[in-house]
């Protein structure tokens, strides 16, 4: 899961992961929080991503 945000921090990532676990059970979900599309990794992910 790729999340664009200037406000979310690392502890928010853990909260999101915990909330997802409570809703859908144990799943392998990577959560990445970025500010914008400037990072090359983010641009690669966006090419392959599915919009939710």
PDB file of N, CA and C in Angstrom:
ATOM      1  N   UNK A   1       0.853  -1.147   0.000  1.00  0.00           N
ATOM      2  CA  UNK A   1       0.000   0.000   0.000  1.00  0.00           C
ATOM      3  C   UNK A   1       0.910   1.223   0.000  1.00  0.00           C
ATOM      4  N   UNK A   2       0.728   2.063  -0.998  1.00  0.00           N
ATOM      5  CA  UNK A   2       1.507   3.287  -1.119  1.00  0.00           C
ATOM      6  C   UNK A   2       0.615   4.457  -0.722  1.00  0.00           C
ATOM      7  N   UNK A   3       1.055   5.199   0.284  1.00  0.00           N
ATOM      8  CA  UNK A   3       0.263   6.309   0.812  1.00  0.00           C
ATOM      9  C   UNK A   3       1.054   7.597   0.638  1.00  0.00           C
ATOM     10  N   UNK A   4       0.421   8.587   0.014  1.00  0.00           N
ATOM     11  CA  UNK A   4       1.035   9.901  -0.124  1.00  0.00           C
ATOM     12  C   UNK A   4       0.545  10.786   1.015  1.00  0.00           C
ATOM     13  N   UNK A   5       1.474  11.294   1.828  1.00  0.00           N
ATOM     14  CA  UNK A   5       1.087  12.149   2.942  1.00  0.00           C
ATOM     15  C   UNK A   5       2.295  12.924   3.460  1.00  0.00           C
ATOM     16  N   UNK A   6       2.053  14.163   3.821  1.00  0.00           N
ATOM     17  CA  UNK A   6       3.069  14.976   4.486  1.00  0.00           C
ATOM     18  C   UNK A   6       2.938  14.880   6.006  1.00  0.00           C
ATOM     19  N   UNK A   7       1.808  14.376   6.484  1.00  0.00           N
ATOM     20  CA  UNK A   7       1.534  14.387   7.921  1.00  0.00           C
ATOM     21  C   UNK A   7       1.772  13.048   8.605  1.00  0.00           C
ATOM     22  N   UNK A   8       1.574  11.933   7.910  1.00  0.00           N
ATOM     23  CA  UNK A   8       1.701  10.627   8.555  1.00  0.00           C
ATOM     24  C   UNK A   8       3.148  10.320   8.892  1.00  0.00           C
ATOM     25  N   UNK A   9       3.330   9.648  10.016  1.00  0.00           N
ATOM     26  CA  UNK A   9       4.661   9.277  10.496  1.00  0.00           C
ATOM     27  C   UNK A   9       4.739   7.763  10.643  1.00  0.00           C
ATOM     28  N   UNK A  10       5.878   7.275  11.072  1.00  0.00           N
ATOM     29  CA  UNK A  10       6.110   5.834  11.209  1.00  0.00           C
ATOM     30  C   UNK A  10       5.095   5.178  12.146  1.00  0.00           C
ATOM     31  N   UNK A  11       4.753   5.826  13.240  1.00  0.00           N
ATOM     32  CA  UNK A  11       3.785   5.240  14.169  1.00  0.00           C
ATOM     33  C   UNK A  11       2.397   5.125  13.532  1.00  0.00           C
ATOM     34  N   UNK A  12       2.099   6.010  12.591  1.00  0.00           N
ATOM     35  CA  UNK A  12       0.834   5.909  11.855  1.00  0.00           C
ATOM     36  C   UNK A  12       0.820   4.666  10.963  1.00  0.00           C
ATOM     37  N   UNK A  13       1.970   4.347  10.390  1.00  0.00           N
ATOM     38  CA  UNK A  13       2.074   3.150   9.555  1.00  0.00           C
ATOM     39  C   UNK A  13       1.744   1.909  10.370  1.00  0.00           C
ATOM     40  N   UNK A  14       2.242   1.827  11.585  1.00  0.00           N
ATOM     41  CA  UNK A  14       1.946   0.689  12.457  1.00  0.00           C
ATOM     42  C   UNK A  14       0.459   0.639  12.824  1.00  0.00           C
ATOM     43  N   UNK A  15      -0.135   1.790  13.056  1.00  0.00           N
ATOM     44  CA  UNK A  15      -1.570   1.845  13.376  1.00  0.00           C
ATOM     45  C   UNK A  15      -2.409   1.377  12.191  1.00  0.00           C
ATOM     46  N   UNK A  16      -2.048   1.821  11.008  1.00  0.00           N
ATOM     47  CA  UNK A  16      -2.770   1.407   9.803  1.00  0.00           C
ATOM     48  C   UNK A  16      -2.651  -0.099   9.615  1.00  0.00           C
ATOM     49  N   UNK A  17      -1.453  -0.625   9.786  1.00  0.00           N
ATOM     50  CA  UNK A  17      -1.233  -2.066   9.625  1.00  0.00           C
ATOM     51  C   UNK A  17      -2.057  -2.853  10.652  1.00  0.00           C
ATOM     52  N   UNK A  18      -2.080  -2.378  11.886  1.00  0.00           N
ATOM     53  CA  UNK A  18      -2.868  -3.041  12.931  1.00  0.00           C
ATOM     54  C   UNK A  18      -4.357  -3.002  12.602  1.00  0.00           C
ATOM     55  N   UNK A  19      -4.837  -1.856  12.157  1.00  0.00           N
ATOM     56  CA  UNK A  19      -6.253  -1.728  11.800  1.00  0.00           C
ATOM     57  C   UNK A  19      -6.614  -2.648  10.640  1.00  0.00           C
ATOM     58  N   UNK A  20      -5.739  -2.737   9.637  1.00  0.00           N
ATOM     59  CA  UNK A  20      -5.988  -3.655   8.527  1.00  0.00           C
ATOM     60  C   UNK A  20      -6.025  -5.098   9.012  1.00  0.00           C
ATOM     61  N   UNK A  21      -5.110  -5.456   9.908  1.00  0.00           N
ATOM     62  CA  UNK A  21      -5.069  -6.813  10.443  1.00  0.00           C
ATOM     63  C   UNK A  21      -6.382  -7.137  11.165  1.00  0.00           C
ATOM     64  N   UNK A  22      -6.907  -6.179  11.912  1.00  0.00           N
ATOM     65  CA  UNK A  22      -8.170  -6.396  12.620  1.00  0.00           C
ATOM     66  C   UNK A  22      -9.336  -6.563  11.646  1.00  0.00           C
ATOM     67  N   UNK A  23      -9.289  -5.898  10.499  1.00  0.00           N
ATOM     68  CA  UNK A  23     -10.383  -5.945   9.531  1.00  0.00           C
ATOM     69  C   UNK A  23     -10.313  -7.145   8.583  1.00  0.00           C
ATOM     70  N   UNK A  24      -9.117  -7.489   8.117  1.00  0.00           N
ATOM     71  CA  UNK A  24      -9.014  -8.542   7.091  1.00  0.00           C
ATOM     72  C   UNK A  24      -8.153  -9.720   7.514  1.00  0.00           C
ATOM     73  N   UNK A  25      -7.657  -9.701   8.729  1.00  0.00           N
ATOM     74  CA  UNK A  25      -6.835 -10.804   9.201  1.00  0.00           C
ATOM     75  C   UNK A  25      -5.381 -10.648   8.786  1.00  0.00           C
ATOM     76  N   UNK A  26      -4.616 -11.662   9.091  1.00  0.00           N
ATOM     77  CA  UNK A  26      -3.182 -11.606   8.832  1.00  0.00           C
ATOM     78  C   UNK A  26      -2.915 -11.749   7.339  1.00  0.00           C
ATOM     79  N   UNK A  27      -2.349 -10.709   6.751  1.00  0.00           N
ATOM     80  CA  UNK A  27      -2.025 -10.669   5.328  1.00  0.00           C
ATOM     81  C   UNK A  27      -0.641 -10.046   5.179  1.00  0.00           C
ATOM     82  N   UNK A  28       0.024 -10.372   4.105  1.00  0.00           N
ATOM     83  CA  UNK A  28       1.320  -9.756   3.807  1.00  0.00           C
ATOM     84  C   UNK A  28       1.048  -8.449   3.072  1.00  0.00           C
ATOM     85  N   UNK A  29       1.066  -7.344   3.796  1.00  0.00           N
ATOM     86  CA  UNK A  29       0.808  -6.035   3.209  1.00  0.00           C
ATOM     87  C   UNK A  29       1.966  -5.107   3.569  1.00  0.00           C
ATOM     88  N   UNK A  30       2.608  -4.587   2.551  1.00  0.00           N
ATOM     89  CA  UNK A  30       3.654  -3.595   2.760  1.00  0.00           C
ATOM     90  C   UNK A  30       3.021  -2.222   2.698  1.00  0.00           C
ATOM     91  N   UNK A  31       3.347  -1.387   3.663  1.00  0.00           N
ATOM     92  CA  UNK A  31       2.811  -0.025   3.702  1.00  0.00           C
ATOM     93  C   UNK A  31       3.987   0.941   3.589  1.00  0.00           C
ATOM     94  N   UNK A  32       3.918   1.775   2.567  1.00  0.00           N
ATOM     95  CA  UNK A  32       4.973   2.748   2.326  1.00  0.00           C
ATOM     96  C   UNK A  32       4.327   4.129   2.325  1.00  0.00           C
ATOM     97  N   UNK A  33       4.873   5.024   3.146  1.00  0.00           N
ATOM     98  CA  UNK A  33       4.359   6.390   3.224  1.00  0.00           C
ATOM     99  C   UNK A  33       5.410   7.322   2.609  1.00  0.00           C
ATOM    100  N   UNK A  34       4.999   8.052   1.572  1.00  0.00           N
ATOM    101  CA  UNK A  34       5.904   8.982   0.894  1.00  0.00           C
ATOM    102  C   UNK A  34       5.230  10.348   0.792  1.00  0.00           C
ATOM    103  N   UNK A  35       6.039  11.356   0.564  1.00  0.00           N
ATOM    104  CA  UNK A  35       5.506  12.712   0.446  1.00  0.00           C
ATOM    105  C   UNK A  35       5.077  13.048  -0.981  1.00  0.00           C
ATOM    106  N   UNK A  36       5.817  12.520  -1.956  1.00  0.00           N
ATOM    107  CA  UNK A  36       5.511  12.828  -3.356  1.00  0.00           C
ATOM    108  C   UNK A  36       6.101  11.750  -4.257  1.00  0.00           C
ATOM    109  N   UNK A  37       6.071  11.998  -5.552  1.00  0.00           N
ATOM    110  CA  UNK A  37       6.534  11.018  -6.529  1.00  0.00           C
ATOM    111  C   UNK A  37       8.009  11.190  -6.898  1.00  0.00           C
ATOM    112  N   UNK A  38       8.765  11.950  -6.139  1.00  0.00           N
ATOM    113  CA  UNK A  38      10.141  12.269  -6.517  1.00  0.00           C
ATOM    114  C   UNK A  38      11.106  11.085  -6.413  1.00  0.00           C
ATOM    115  N   UNK A  39      10.830  10.140  -5.556  1.00  0.00           N
ATOM    116  CA  UNK A  39      11.711   8.991  -5.370  1.00  0.00           C
ATOM    117  C   UNK A  39      11.554   8.014  -6.542  1.00  0.00           C
ATOM    118  N   UNK A  40      12.652   7.513  -7.117  1.00  0.00           N
ATOM    119  CA  UNK A  40      12.555   6.569  -8.231  1.00  0.00           C
ATOM    120  C   UNK A  40      11.748   5.311  -7.886  1.00  0.00           C
ATOM    121  N   UNK A  41      11.886   4.801  -6.672  1.00  0.00           N
ATOM    122  CA  UNK A  41      11.117   3.624  -6.250  1.00  0.00           C
ATOM    123  C   UNK A  41       9.622   3.908  -6.313  1.00  0.00           C
ATOM    124  N   UNK A  42       9.215   5.071  -5.867  1.00  0.00           N
ATOM    125  CA  UNK A  42       7.804   5.452  -5.887  1.00  0.00           C
ATOM    126  C   UNK A  42       7.279   5.495  -7.316  1.00  0.00           C
ATOM    127  N   UNK A  43       8.062   6.020  -8.227  1.00  0.00           N
ATOM    128  CA  UNK A  43       7.629   6.082  -9.629  1.00  0.00           C
ATOM    129  C   UNK A  43       7.470   4.681 -10.220  1.00  0.00           C
ATOM    130  N   UNK A  44       8.354   3.771  -9.871  1.00  0.00           N
ATOM    131  CA  UNK A  44       8.241   2.383 -10.352  1.00  0.00           C
ATOM    132  C   UNK A  44       6.979   1.739  -9.796  1.00  0.00           C
ATOM    133  N   UNK A  45       6.740   1.931  -8.514  1.00  0.00           N
ATOM    134  CA  UNK A  45       5.541   1.357  -7.888  1.00  0.00           C
ATOM    135  C   UNK A  45       4.276   1.876  -8.555  1.00  0.00           C
ATOM    136  N   UNK A  46       4.235   3.165  -8.826  1.00  0.00           N
ATOM    137  CA  UNK A  46       3.043   3.770  -9.436  1.00  0.00           C
ATOM    138  C   UNK A  46       2.738   3.174 -10.813  1.00  0.00           C
ATOM    139  N   UNK A  47       3.761   2.777 -11.547  1.00  0.00           N
ATOM    140  CA  UNK A  47       3.537   2.169 -12.871  1.00  0.00           C
ATOM    141  C   UNK A  47       2.818   0.830 -12.758  1.00  0.00           C
ATOM    142  N   UNK A  48       3.059   0.100 -11.659  1.00  0.00           N
ATOM    143  CA  UNK A  48       2.507  -1.234 -11.482  1.00  0.00           C
ATOM    144  C   UNK A  48       1.319  -1.286 -10.517  1.00  0.00           C
ATOM    145  N   UNK A  49       1.038  -0.172  -9.860  1.00  0.00           N
ATOM    146  CA  UNK A  49       0.046  -0.158  -8.778  1.00  0.00           C
ATOM    147  C   UNK A  49      -1.390  -0.252  -9.277  1.00  0.00           C
ATOM    148  N   UNK A  50      -2.243  -0.721  -8.397  1.00  0.00           N
ATOM    149  CA  UNK A  50      -3.687  -0.760  -8.629  1.00  0.00           C
ATOM    150  C   UNK A  50      -4.312   0.274  -7.697  1.00  0.00           C
ATOM    151  N   UNK A  51      -5.047   1.203  -8.246  1.00  0.00           N
ATOM    152  CA  UNK A  51      -5.677   2.252  -7.451  1.00  0.00           C
ATOM    153  C   UNK A  51      -6.826   1.682  -6.631  1.00  0.00           C
ATOM    154  N   UNK A  52      -6.808   1.959  -5.342  1.00  0.00           N
ATOM    155  CA  UNK A  52      -7.893   1.499  -4.458  1.00  0.00           C
ATOM    156  C   UNK A  52      -8.829   2.642  -4.151  1.00  0.00           C
TER     157      UNK A  52
END
